[in-house]
N, C-alpha and C. Protein backbone atom coordinates (compact mmCIF):
# COMPACT_ATOMS: atom_id res chain seq x y z
N UNK A 1 68.98 160.12 104.51
CA UNK A 1 69.68 159.04 103.85
C UNK A 1 70.01 157.97 104.89
N UNK A 2 69.72 156.71 104.60
CA UNK A 2 70.02 155.65 105.57
C UNK A 2 71.52 155.47 105.75
N UNK A 3 71.88 155.06 106.95
CA UNK A 3 73.29 154.86 107.26
C UNK A 3 73.84 153.68 106.46
N UNK A 4 75.03 153.86 105.89
CA UNK A 4 75.65 152.81 105.10
C UNK A 4 76.34 151.81 106.02
N UNK A 5 76.21 150.54 105.68
CA UNK A 5 76.87 149.50 106.46
C UNK A 5 78.28 149.30 105.93
N UNK A 6 79.20 149.16 106.83
CA UNK A 6 80.60 148.94 106.45
C UNK A 6 80.84 147.44 106.30
N UNK A 7 80.50 146.93 105.14
CA UNK A 7 80.70 145.50 104.88
C UNK A 7 81.57 145.34 103.65
N UNK A 8 82.04 144.14 103.43
CA UNK A 8 82.84 143.81 102.24
C UNK A 8 82.28 142.52 101.66
N UNK A 9 81.12 142.62 100.97
CA UNK A 9 80.47 141.41 100.47
C UNK A 9 81.20 140.81 99.26
N UNK A 10 80.79 139.62 98.92
CA UNK A 10 81.42 138.90 97.82
C UNK A 10 81.33 139.67 96.50
N UNK A 11 80.25 140.42 96.30
CA UNK A 11 80.09 141.16 95.05
C UNK A 11 81.13 142.27 94.89
N UNK A 12 81.81 142.65 95.97
CA UNK A 12 82.83 143.69 95.90
C UNK A 12 84.24 143.13 95.88
N UNK A 13 84.38 141.82 95.79
CA UNK A 13 85.70 141.19 95.76
C UNK A 13 86.09 140.92 94.32
N UNK A 14 87.29 141.27 93.98
CA UNK A 14 87.80 141.03 92.63
C UNK A 14 88.25 139.58 92.54
N UNK A 15 87.58 138.81 91.70
CA UNK A 15 87.87 137.39 91.57
C UNK A 15 88.18 137.06 90.11
N UNK A 16 88.77 135.92 89.91
CA UNK A 16 89.07 135.45 88.56
C UNK A 16 90.45 135.84 88.12
N UNK A 17 91.25 134.85 87.78
CA UNK A 17 92.65 135.13 87.44
C UNK A 17 92.78 136.02 86.21
N UNK A 18 91.88 135.89 85.25
CA UNK A 18 91.98 136.72 84.04
C UNK A 18 91.74 138.19 84.36
N UNK A 19 90.72 138.47 85.18
CA UNK A 19 90.42 139.86 85.53
C UNK A 19 91.54 140.45 86.39
N UNK A 20 92.05 139.68 87.35
CA UNK A 20 93.14 140.17 88.20
C UNK A 20 94.39 140.43 87.37
N UNK A 21 94.68 139.52 86.43
CA UNK A 21 95.85 139.68 85.56
C UNK A 21 95.71 140.92 84.68
N UNK A 22 94.50 141.18 84.18
CA UNK A 22 94.26 142.36 83.35
C UNK A 22 94.51 143.64 84.15
N UNK A 23 94.03 143.68 85.38
CA UNK A 23 94.25 144.86 86.23
C UNK A 23 95.74 145.02 86.51
N UNK A 24 96.42 143.92 86.84
CA UNK A 24 97.84 143.98 87.20
C UNK A 24 98.71 144.41 86.02
N UNK A 25 98.35 144.01 84.81
CA UNK A 25 99.20 144.30 83.65
C UNK A 25 98.86 145.62 82.96
N UNK A 26 97.58 145.97 82.88
CA UNK A 26 97.20 147.17 82.13
C UNK A 26 96.67 148.30 82.99
N UNK A 27 96.57 148.09 84.31
CA UNK A 27 96.05 149.12 85.19
C UNK A 27 97.06 150.20 85.49
N UNK A 28 96.58 151.30 86.04
CA UNK A 28 97.43 152.42 86.44
C UNK A 28 97.75 152.28 87.93
N UNK A 29 99.02 152.50 88.28
CA UNK A 29 99.48 152.27 89.65
C UNK A 29 99.77 153.55 90.40
N UNK A 30 99.54 153.47 91.70
CA UNK A 30 99.92 154.51 92.65
C UNK A 30 100.73 153.80 93.71
N UNK A 31 101.91 154.32 94.02
CA UNK A 31 102.75 153.70 95.04
C UNK A 31 102.77 154.58 96.28
N UNK A 32 102.26 154.05 97.34
CA UNK A 32 102.26 154.72 98.65
C UNK A 32 102.93 153.75 99.61
N UNK A 33 104.28 153.77 99.66
CA UNK A 33 105.01 152.72 100.36
C UNK A 33 104.45 152.44 101.75
N UNK A 34 104.29 151.18 102.10
CA UNK A 34 104.64 149.96 101.39
C UNK A 34 103.48 149.35 100.59
N UNK A 35 102.47 150.15 100.26
CA UNK A 35 101.30 149.63 99.53
C UNK A 35 101.29 150.19 98.12
N UNK A 36 101.09 149.30 97.14
CA UNK A 36 100.92 149.70 95.75
C UNK A 36 99.47 149.43 95.37
N UNK A 37 98.82 150.46 94.85
CA UNK A 37 97.44 150.33 94.38
C UNK A 37 97.45 150.35 92.87
N UNK A 38 96.99 149.28 92.26
CA UNK A 38 96.85 149.22 90.81
C UNK A 38 95.36 149.17 90.51
N UNK A 39 94.89 150.07 89.69
CA UNK A 39 93.46 150.13 89.39
C UNK A 39 93.20 150.33 87.92
N UNK A 40 92.01 149.91 87.53
CA UNK A 40 91.62 150.07 86.13
C UNK A 40 90.12 150.32 86.06
N UNK A 41 89.76 151.34 85.30
CA UNK A 41 88.34 151.60 85.04
C UNK A 41 87.88 150.58 84.00
N UNK A 42 86.90 149.77 84.37
CA UNK A 42 86.45 148.71 83.48
C UNK A 42 85.06 148.27 83.90
N UNK A 43 84.26 147.73 82.97
CA UNK A 43 82.95 147.20 83.37
C UNK A 43 83.13 145.93 84.20
N UNK A 44 82.32 145.81 85.23
CA UNK A 44 82.39 144.66 86.12
C UNK A 44 81.09 143.86 86.05
N UNK A 45 81.15 142.56 86.34
CA UNK A 45 79.95 141.73 86.26
C UNK A 45 79.08 141.84 87.52
N UNK A 46 79.00 143.02 88.11
CA UNK A 46 78.22 143.22 89.32
C UNK A 46 77.71 144.65 89.35
N UNK A 47 76.81 144.95 90.27
CA UNK A 47 76.29 146.31 90.40
C UNK A 47 77.19 147.19 91.25
N UNK A 48 78.14 146.59 91.94
CA UNK A 48 79.04 147.36 92.82
C UNK A 48 79.88 148.32 91.98
N UNK A 49 80.15 149.52 92.51
CA UNK A 49 80.95 150.48 91.75
C UNK A 49 82.42 150.09 91.65
N UNK A 50 82.89 149.23 92.56
CA UNK A 50 84.30 148.81 92.52
C UNK A 50 84.43 147.42 93.11
N UNK A 51 85.48 146.73 92.67
CA UNK A 51 85.86 145.44 93.24
C UNK A 51 87.32 145.54 93.62
N UNK A 52 87.69 144.87 94.72
CA UNK A 52 89.06 144.98 95.22
C UNK A 52 89.62 143.60 95.54
N UNK A 53 90.93 143.47 95.37
CA UNK A 53 91.67 142.26 95.75
C UNK A 53 92.91 142.71 96.51
N UNK A 54 93.39 141.84 97.38
CA UNK A 54 94.53 142.16 98.24
C UNK A 54 95.58 141.07 98.09
N UNK A 55 96.84 141.47 97.92
CA UNK A 55 97.92 140.50 97.73
C UNK A 55 99.11 140.87 98.61
N UNK A 56 99.70 139.83 99.20
CA UNK A 56 100.92 139.99 99.97
C UNK A 56 101.86 138.88 99.51
N UNK A 57 102.89 139.21 98.72
CA UNK A 57 103.78 138.17 98.19
C UNK A 57 104.59 137.48 99.28
N UNK A 58 104.80 136.19 99.12
CA UNK A 58 105.59 135.43 100.09
C UNK A 58 107.07 135.80 100.00
N UNK A 59 107.46 136.46 98.92
CA UNK A 59 108.83 136.95 98.80
C UNK A 59 109.12 138.00 99.87
N UNK A 60 108.10 138.79 100.21
CA UNK A 60 108.29 139.88 101.18
C UNK A 60 108.06 139.43 102.61
N UNK A 61 106.98 138.72 102.85
CA UNK A 61 106.67 138.21 104.18
C UNK A 61 106.68 136.68 104.10
N UNK A 62 107.65 136.07 104.68
CA UNK A 62 107.86 134.63 104.52
C UNK A 62 106.79 133.79 105.22
N UNK A 63 106.38 134.21 106.40
CA UNK A 63 105.45 133.40 107.18
C UNK A 63 104.01 133.65 106.77
N UNK A 64 103.24 132.59 106.58
CA UNK A 64 101.84 132.71 106.17
C UNK A 64 101.03 133.49 107.19
N UNK A 65 101.38 133.37 108.46
CA UNK A 65 100.67 134.10 109.50
C UNK A 65 100.80 135.61 109.27
N UNK A 66 102.00 136.05 108.92
CA UNK A 66 102.23 137.48 108.66
C UNK A 66 101.51 137.94 107.41
N UNK A 67 101.54 137.13 106.36
CA UNK A 67 100.83 137.49 105.11
C UNK A 67 99.33 137.60 105.35
N UNK A 68 98.76 136.64 106.04
CA UNK A 68 97.33 136.66 106.31
C UNK A 68 96.95 137.86 107.17
N UNK A 69 97.78 138.19 108.14
CA UNK A 69 97.51 139.33 109.01
C UNK A 69 97.53 140.63 108.22
N UNK A 70 98.49 140.80 107.32
CA UNK A 70 98.55 142.02 106.52
C UNK A 70 97.35 142.13 105.58
N UNK A 71 96.94 141.01 105.00
CA UNK A 71 95.75 141.06 104.14
C UNK A 71 94.51 141.44 104.95
N UNK A 72 94.41 140.90 106.15
CA UNK A 72 93.26 141.21 107.00
C UNK A 72 93.27 142.69 107.38
N UNK A 73 94.43 143.23 107.70
CA UNK A 73 94.54 144.64 108.06
C UNK A 73 94.16 145.53 106.87
N UNK A 74 94.65 145.19 105.67
CA UNK A 74 94.32 146.00 104.49
C UNK A 74 92.83 145.92 104.15
N UNK A 75 92.25 144.72 104.26
CA UNK A 75 90.80 144.57 104.00
C UNK A 75 89.98 145.41 104.97
N UNK A 76 90.37 145.41 106.23
CA UNK A 76 89.65 146.17 107.24
C UNK A 76 89.74 147.67 106.95
N UNK A 77 90.91 148.16 106.61
CA UNK A 77 91.07 149.58 106.29
C UNK A 77 90.23 149.95 105.07
N UNK A 78 90.25 149.10 104.06
CA UNK A 78 89.46 149.34 102.86
C UNK A 78 87.96 149.35 103.19
N UNK A 79 87.53 148.39 103.96
CA UNK A 79 86.11 148.25 104.31
C UNK A 79 85.59 149.51 105.00
N UNK A 80 86.40 150.11 105.85
CA UNK A 80 85.95 151.27 106.61
C UNK A 80 86.04 152.59 105.83
N UNK A 81 86.83 152.64 104.76
CA UNK A 81 87.04 153.90 104.05
C UNK A 81 86.57 153.90 102.59
N UNK A 82 85.85 152.91 102.17
CA UNK A 82 85.50 152.80 100.75
C UNK A 82 84.31 153.66 100.33
N UNK A 83 83.42 154.04 101.25
CA UNK A 83 82.15 154.65 100.86
C UNK A 83 82.29 155.99 100.14
N UNK A 84 83.22 156.81 100.55
CA UNK A 84 83.40 158.10 99.88
C UNK A 84 83.81 157.90 98.42
N UNK A 85 84.66 156.92 98.18
CA UNK A 85 85.12 156.65 96.82
C UNK A 85 84.01 156.00 95.99
N UNK A 86 83.22 155.15 96.62
CA UNK A 86 82.09 154.54 95.92
C UNK A 86 81.11 155.61 95.46
N UNK A 87 80.85 156.61 96.31
CA UNK A 87 79.92 157.68 95.95
C UNK A 87 80.43 158.45 94.73
N UNK A 88 81.74 158.71 94.69
CA UNK A 88 82.32 159.42 93.53
C UNK A 88 82.21 158.59 92.26
N UNK A 89 82.44 157.28 92.37
CA UNK A 89 82.33 156.41 91.20
C UNK A 89 80.88 156.34 90.70
N UNK A 90 79.94 156.23 91.63
CA UNK A 90 78.52 156.18 91.24
C UNK A 90 78.11 157.47 90.56
N UNK A 91 78.55 158.61 91.10
CA UNK A 91 78.20 159.91 90.52
C UNK A 91 78.75 160.03 89.10
N UNK A 92 79.92 159.47 88.86
CA UNK A 92 80.52 159.53 87.52
C UNK A 92 80.00 158.41 86.62
N UNK A 93 79.26 157.45 87.17
CA UNK A 93 78.75 156.33 86.38
C UNK A 93 79.84 155.37 85.94
N UNK A 94 80.86 155.20 86.76
CA UNK A 94 81.99 154.34 86.41
C UNK A 94 82.09 153.13 87.34
N UNK A 95 82.79 152.12 86.86
CA UNK A 95 83.15 150.96 87.68
C UNK A 95 84.64 150.75 87.54
N UNK A 96 85.27 150.29 88.61
CA UNK A 96 86.70 150.03 88.52
C UNK A 96 87.09 148.84 89.37
N UNK A 97 88.26 148.30 89.06
CA UNK A 97 88.83 147.17 89.80
C UNK A 97 90.14 147.62 90.39
N UNK A 98 90.35 147.27 91.67
CA UNK A 98 91.57 147.67 92.37
C UNK A 98 92.31 146.45 92.88
N UNK A 99 93.62 146.50 92.79
CA UNK A 99 94.48 145.46 93.35
C UNK A 99 95.46 146.13 94.30
N UNK A 100 95.35 145.81 95.59
CA UNK A 100 96.24 146.35 96.62
C UNK A 100 97.33 145.32 96.87
N UNK A 101 98.58 145.72 96.68
CA UNK A 101 99.71 144.82 96.88
C UNK A 101 100.60 145.39 97.98
N UNK A 102 100.87 144.57 98.98
CA UNK A 102 101.75 144.99 100.07
C UNK A 102 103.17 144.66 99.68
N UNK A 103 104.08 145.66 99.73
CA UNK A 103 105.43 145.46 99.26
C UNK A 103 106.49 145.65 100.33
N UNK A 104 106.06 145.74 101.59
CA UNK A 104 107.02 145.92 102.68
C UNK A 104 107.66 144.61 103.07
N UNK A 105 108.76 144.71 103.81
CA UNK A 105 109.48 143.52 104.27
C UNK A 105 109.07 143.11 105.68
N UNK A 106 108.29 143.94 106.37
CA UNK A 106 107.82 143.62 107.72
C UNK A 106 106.39 144.12 107.87
N UNK A 107 105.65 143.52 108.81
CA UNK A 107 104.28 143.95 109.06
C UNK A 107 104.27 145.36 109.63
N UNK A 108 103.22 146.11 109.31
CA UNK A 108 103.05 147.44 109.87
C UNK A 108 101.76 147.45 110.68
N UNK A 109 101.62 148.35 111.65
CA UNK A 109 100.40 148.39 112.45
C UNK A 109 99.20 148.89 111.64
N UNK A 110 98.01 148.61 112.16
CA UNK A 110 96.77 148.96 111.46
C UNK A 110 96.70 150.45 111.15
N UNK A 111 97.03 151.31 112.11
CA UNK A 111 96.89 152.75 111.90
C UNK A 111 97.72 153.23 110.71
N UNK A 112 98.92 152.75 110.59
CA UNK A 112 99.78 153.14 109.47
C UNK A 112 99.25 152.57 108.15
N UNK A 113 98.85 151.30 108.16
CA UNK A 113 98.31 150.68 106.95
C UNK A 113 97.05 151.39 106.48
N UNK A 114 96.21 151.75 107.42
CA UNK A 114 94.97 152.45 107.08
C UNK A 114 95.26 153.81 106.45
N UNK A 115 96.20 154.55 107.03
CA UNK A 115 96.55 155.87 106.49
C UNK A 115 97.13 155.75 105.09
N UNK A 116 98.03 154.80 104.88
CA UNK A 116 98.66 154.62 103.56
C UNK A 116 97.64 154.19 102.52
N UNK A 117 96.76 153.26 102.89
CA UNK A 117 95.77 152.74 101.94
C UNK A 117 94.78 153.83 101.54
N UNK A 118 94.30 154.60 102.51
CA UNK A 118 93.35 155.66 102.16
C UNK A 118 94.02 156.76 101.34
N UNK A 119 95.29 157.06 101.63
CA UNK A 119 96.02 158.05 100.83
C UNK A 119 96.20 157.56 99.40
N UNK A 120 96.51 156.29 99.25
CA UNK A 120 96.67 155.72 97.91
C UNK A 120 95.35 155.77 97.14
N UNK A 121 94.25 155.42 97.80
CA UNK A 121 92.94 155.46 97.14
C UNK A 121 92.59 156.89 96.73
N UNK A 122 92.84 157.83 97.61
CA UNK A 122 92.53 159.22 97.30
C UNK A 122 93.35 159.72 96.12
N UNK A 123 94.64 159.42 96.10
CA UNK A 123 95.48 159.83 94.97
C UNK A 123 95.03 159.18 93.67
N UNK A 124 94.67 157.90 93.70
CA UNK A 124 94.21 157.21 92.50
C UNK A 124 92.93 157.85 91.97
N UNK A 125 92.01 158.15 92.89
CA UNK A 125 90.74 158.75 92.47
C UNK A 125 90.97 160.15 91.87
N UNK A 126 91.87 160.94 92.44
CA UNK A 126 92.15 162.28 91.90
C UNK A 126 92.73 162.21 90.50
N UNK A 127 93.59 161.24 90.25
CA UNK A 127 94.26 161.16 88.96
C UNK A 127 93.42 160.49 87.86
N UNK A 128 92.52 159.58 88.24
CA UNK A 128 91.88 158.78 87.20
C UNK A 128 90.37 158.91 87.12
N UNK A 129 89.74 159.62 88.03
CA UNK A 129 88.27 159.76 87.95
C UNK A 129 87.93 161.22 87.79
């Protein structure tokens, strides 16, 4: 089997306010402080098994530099750990949309963010797939 590339292409990004709003309002949530994962099994307009979006509210982190840094850290953690979950979704023939929301009041280091994000993804997959 060829080695998988750890990329996060445009086809795997959750876009469109209507689709994001649908996931946020009707999706099932997993809370792994300070990250909340809201996901919904739904057909997507792409061949990718999942699409993801990342949000950091300005209410929690006031400075744009801090918000951008947290989004970058969460995207990187997701990019490196998504393949196992993609394989499970492909095997089940499902597609889903995920919204990762950072709810902490201060930035956390990459190692902690990565551990929390992967734990949240694993819990979501166990409960809903």
